[in-house]
Amino acid sequence: SLDAADDLIKRSAEKGITLVTAASPDYPSRLKAMNDYDVADRRPTYTVMNGVLSASMEGSRERQTRPAILWVRGDLKVFESPSVALVGGGRWSSKEANDAAKRLGGRLAEEDIVAVTNLYDGPQRSATAAVVEKGGKALAFSSAPIGNAETSDIEEEIVRNGGAVISEDSIDSKPRQVDKKEKRRGNALAIS
């Protein structure tokens, strides 16, 4: 119901999380360019089920499409800043990979370049931690709701430094196991 959606948006706003739709002027321009169709041609369809607001683009298929909705905490202006996308997850995780990621993250912070990452374990998380430790900015895509127990500490630091955390899942979504397809989608969003 609309009341449930309004309630979800209100509770999210109390946590500093805003809803940005694909039709919104605040929607990141880099993501707008992801699809080969105009938002005016295809409208998002919003659904509230068990108190969870979700959206899909009418007619979308298995191809990579921009998210119809984003839950955002932080400053979306970092999306327009010079940035480097860091892609690589747990399968490349080793002490050497994590150390290299930390050095790269520190260097990005020193050069005032936004690190665009996922919050998956491994080198990306190491790089993100190094960025925020040095006071740099990060734009982090989360495959879980913003503020979940596993990543809330680093999310706080990202936002405090002027960065942003973005998720397709509302605060009412249950954390779930992320499959390879979703990780690829998160990487595609990060590098777009």
Protein backbone atom coordinates (compact mmCIF):
# COMPACT_ATOMS: atom_id res chain seq x y z
CA SER A 1 0.00 0.00 0.00
CA LEU A 2 1.03 3.61 -0.37
CA ASP A 3 0.92 4.04 3.40
CA ALA A 4 3.47 1.23 3.81
CA ALA A 5 5.72 2.79 1.17
CA ASP A 6 5.41 6.24 2.80
CA ASP A 7 6.26 4.69 6.17
CA LEU A 8 9.33 2.95 4.72
CA ILE A 9 10.54 6.17 3.10
CA LYS A 10 10.00 8.09 6.36
CA ARG A 11 11.85 5.50 8.48
CA SER A 12 14.68 5.46 5.95
CA ALA A 13 14.93 9.27 6.02
CA GLU A 14 15.26 9.11 9.81
CA LYS A 15 18.42 7.06 9.20
CA GLY A 16 19.72 9.50 6.60
CA ILE A 17 18.76 7.25 3.69
CA THR A 18 16.90 8.70 0.73
CA LEU A 19 15.06 7.03 -2.12
CA VAL A 20 16.15 8.03 -5.62
CA THR A 21 14.19 6.70 -8.59
CA ALA A 22 15.36 6.37 -12.19
CA ALA A 23 12.97 9.20 -13.10
CA SER A 24 14.37 11.54 -10.43
CA PRO A 25 16.59 14.50 -11.37
CA ASP A 26 18.93 13.33 -8.57
CA TYR A 27 19.50 9.97 -10.28
CA PRO A 28 23.23 9.69 -11.14
CA SER A 29 23.95 10.62 -14.76
CA ARG A 30 26.45 7.79 -15.14
CA LEU A 31 23.74 5.27 -14.33
CA LYS A 32 21.24 7.01 -16.60
CA ALA A 33 23.61 6.25 -19.48
CA MET A 34 23.62 2.50 -18.70
CA ASN A 35 20.51 1.61 -20.67
CA ASP A 36 19.70 1.84 -24.33
CA TYR A 37 16.25 3.23 -23.69
CA ASP A 38 14.84 6.45 -22.32
CA VAL A 39 13.15 6.54 -18.92
CA ALA A 40 10.16 8.25 -20.60
CA ASP A 41 9.69 5.12 -22.75
CA ARG A 42 9.75 2.67 -19.85
CA ARG A 43 8.41 3.39 -16.42
CA PRO A 44 9.42 1.70 -13.19
CA THR A 45 6.79 -0.50 -11.59
CA TYR A 46 6.75 -0.19 -7.79
CA THR A 47 5.56 -2.97 -5.52
CA VAL A 48 5.13 -3.13 -1.74
CA MET A 49 5.08 -6.67 -0.42
CA ASN A 50 5.37 -7.49 3.28
CA GLY A 51 6.40 -3.89 3.92
CA VAL A 52 9.29 -3.99 1.43
CA LEU A 53 9.30 -1.50 -1.44
CA SER A 54 10.79 -2.89 -4.64
CA ALA A 55 10.82 -1.77 -8.23
CA SER A 56 11.41 -3.14 -11.68
CA MET A 57 11.51 -1.63 -15.14
CA GLU A 58 8.62 -2.73 -17.33
CA GLY A 59 9.84 -5.09 -20.01
CA SER A 60 13.32 -5.47 -18.56
CA ARG A 61 15.03 -8.79 -19.23
CA GLU A 62 18.13 -10.53 -17.96
CA ARG A 63 20.41 -7.86 -19.40
CA GLN A 64 22.25 -5.36 -17.27
CA THR A 65 19.88 -2.49 -16.65
CA ARG A 66 20.15 0.45 -14.37
CA PRO A 67 18.34 0.07 -11.07
CA ALA A 68 14.83 1.52 -11.02
CA ILE A 69 15.35 2.62 -7.43
CA LEU A 70 18.37 3.36 -5.28
CA TRP A 71 18.53 3.77 -1.54
CA VAL A 72 21.27 6.32 -0.87
CA ARG A 73 23.05 7.46 2.25
CA GLY A 74 25.53 10.26 1.74
CA ASP A 75 26.36 12.74 -0.99
CA LEU A 76 25.51 11.62 -4.54
CA LYS A 77 27.72 14.41 -5.92
CA VAL A 78 30.65 12.00 -5.54
CA PHE A 79 29.16 10.19 -8.55
CA GLU A 80 30.20 13.15 -10.71
CA SER A 81 33.73 13.41 -9.24
CA PRO A 82 36.88 11.94 -10.79
CA SER A 83 36.85 8.31 -9.77
CA VAL A 84 38.44 4.91 -10.18
CA ALA A 85 36.35 1.74 -9.96
CA LEU A 86 37.97 -1.03 -7.96
CA VAL A 87 36.68 -4.42 -9.08
CA GLY A 88 37.79 -7.68 -7.55
CA GLY A 89 36.38 -9.82 -4.84
CA GLY A 90 37.05 -12.65 -2.48
CA ARG A 91 38.29 -15.07 -5.10
CA TRP A 92 41.35 -12.84 -5.53
CA SER A 93 41.74 -12.39 -1.81
CA SER A 94 45.15 -13.01 -0.38
CA LYS A 95 47.41 -11.08 1.95
CA GLU A 96 49.26 -9.68 -1.05
CA ALA A 97 46.05 -8.65 -2.83
CA ASN A 98 44.65 -7.00 0.30
CA ASP A 99 47.94 -5.17 0.94
CA ALA A 100 48.04 -3.94 -2.67
CA ALA A 101 44.40 -2.82 -2.40
CA LYS A 102 45.20 -0.89 0.79
CA ARG A 103 48.10 0.88 -0.94
CA LEU A 104 45.90 1.74 -3.91
CA GLY A 105 43.09 2.98 -1.66
CA GLY A 106 45.52 5.16 0.27
CA ARG A 107 46.91 6.61 -2.94
CA LEU A 108 43.43 7.41 -4.27
CA ALA A 109 42.66 9.28 -1.03
CA GLU A 110 45.92 11.24 -1.29
CA GLU A 111 45.11 12.21 -4.89
CA ASP A 112 41.50 13.16 -4.01
CA ILE A 113 40.09 10.55 -6.40
CA VAL A 114 36.85 8.82 -5.41
CA ALA A 115 37.16 5.07 -4.98
CA VAL A 116 34.11 3.31 -6.43
CA THR A 117 33.72 -0.09 -4.82
CA ASN A 118 31.44 -2.80 -3.59
CA LEU A 119 31.47 -3.65 0.09
CA TYR A 120 32.29 -7.32 -0.48
CA ASP A 121 34.96 -8.95 1.62
CA GLY A 122 38.46 -9.03 0.21
CA PRO A 123 40.51 -6.47 -1.71
CA GLN A 124 37.60 -4.08 -2.38
CA ARG A 125 36.80 -3.83 1.32
CA SER A 126 40.51 -3.39 2.10
CA ALA A 127 40.82 -0.57 -0.44
CA THR A 128 37.67 1.12 0.87
CA ALA A 129 38.96 0.92 4.45
CA ALA A 130 42.26 2.50 3.39
CA VAL A 131 40.44 5.31 1.56
CA VAL A 132 38.36 6.26 4.56
CA GLU A 133 41.27 5.89 6.99
CA LYS A 134 43.15 8.50 4.96
CA GLY A 135 40.12 10.81 4.80
CA GLY A 136 39.30 10.07 1.16
CA LYS A 137 35.92 9.64 -0.48
CA ALA A 138 34.30 6.41 -1.56
CA LEU A 139 31.18 5.54 -3.48
CA ALA A 140 30.24 2.09 -2.27
CA PHE A 141 27.57 -0.19 -3.73
CA SER A 142 26.12 -2.56 -1.17
CA SER A 143 24.31 -5.76 -2.03
CA ALA A 144 22.66 -5.59 1.40
CA PRO A 145 20.44 -2.97 3.01
CA ILE A 146 22.30 0.18 4.08
CA GLY A 147 23.12 0.03 7.78
CA ASN A 148 23.35 -3.75 8.02
CA ALA A 149 25.48 -5.06 10.88
CA GLU A 150 28.28 -6.34 8.65
CA THR A 151 29.13 -3.03 6.95
CA SER A 152 27.58 -0.26 9.09
CA ASP A 153 30.94 0.87 10.58
CA ILE A 154 32.63 1.45 7.23
CA GLU A 155 29.42 2.98 5.84
CA GLU A 156 29.52 5.56 8.65
CA GLU A 157 33.10 6.49 7.77
CA ILE A 158 32.30 6.72 4.05
CA VAL A 159 29.44 9.14 4.70
CA ARG A 160 31.44 11.14 7.27
CA ASN A 161 34.16 11.67 4.63
CA GLY A 162 31.67 13.02 2.08
CA GLY A 163 31.11 9.82 0.13
CA ALA A 164 27.98 7.74 -0.39
CA VAL A 165 26.65 4.23 0.07
CA ILE A 166 24.08 2.93 -2.41
CA SER A 167 21.88 -0.15 -2.29
CA GLU A 168 18.98 -1.51 -4.28
CA ASP A 169 17.61 -3.04 -1.05
CA SER A 170 15.47 -1.10 1.41
CA ILE A 171 16.12 -1.09 5.15
CA ASP A 172 13.32 -3.65 5.52
CA SER A 173 14.97 -6.13 3.16
CA LYS A 174 16.51 -9.14 4.82
CA PRO A 175 20.26 -9.63 4.34
CA ARG A 176 20.80 -12.49 1.95
CA GLN A 177 23.49 -14.53 0.33
CA VAL A 178 24.69 -12.75 -2.80
CA ASP A 179 25.18 -14.95 -5.84
CA LYS A 180 27.72 -14.45 -8.63
CA LYS A 181 25.14 -12.79 -10.88
CA GLU A 182 24.43 -10.12 -8.25
CA LYS A 183 28.15 -9.56 -7.68
CA ARG A 184 28.60 -9.02 -11.42
CA ARG A 185 25.70 -6.56 -11.35
CA GLY A 186 27.30 -4.69 -8.44
CA ASN A 187 30.58 -4.54 -10.34
CA ALA A 188 28.76 -3.28 -13.45
CA LEU A 189 27.13 -0.52 -11.41
CA ALA A 190 30.48 0.37 -9.88
CA ILE A 191 32.24 0.79 -13.22
CA SER A 192 29.44 2.52 -15.11
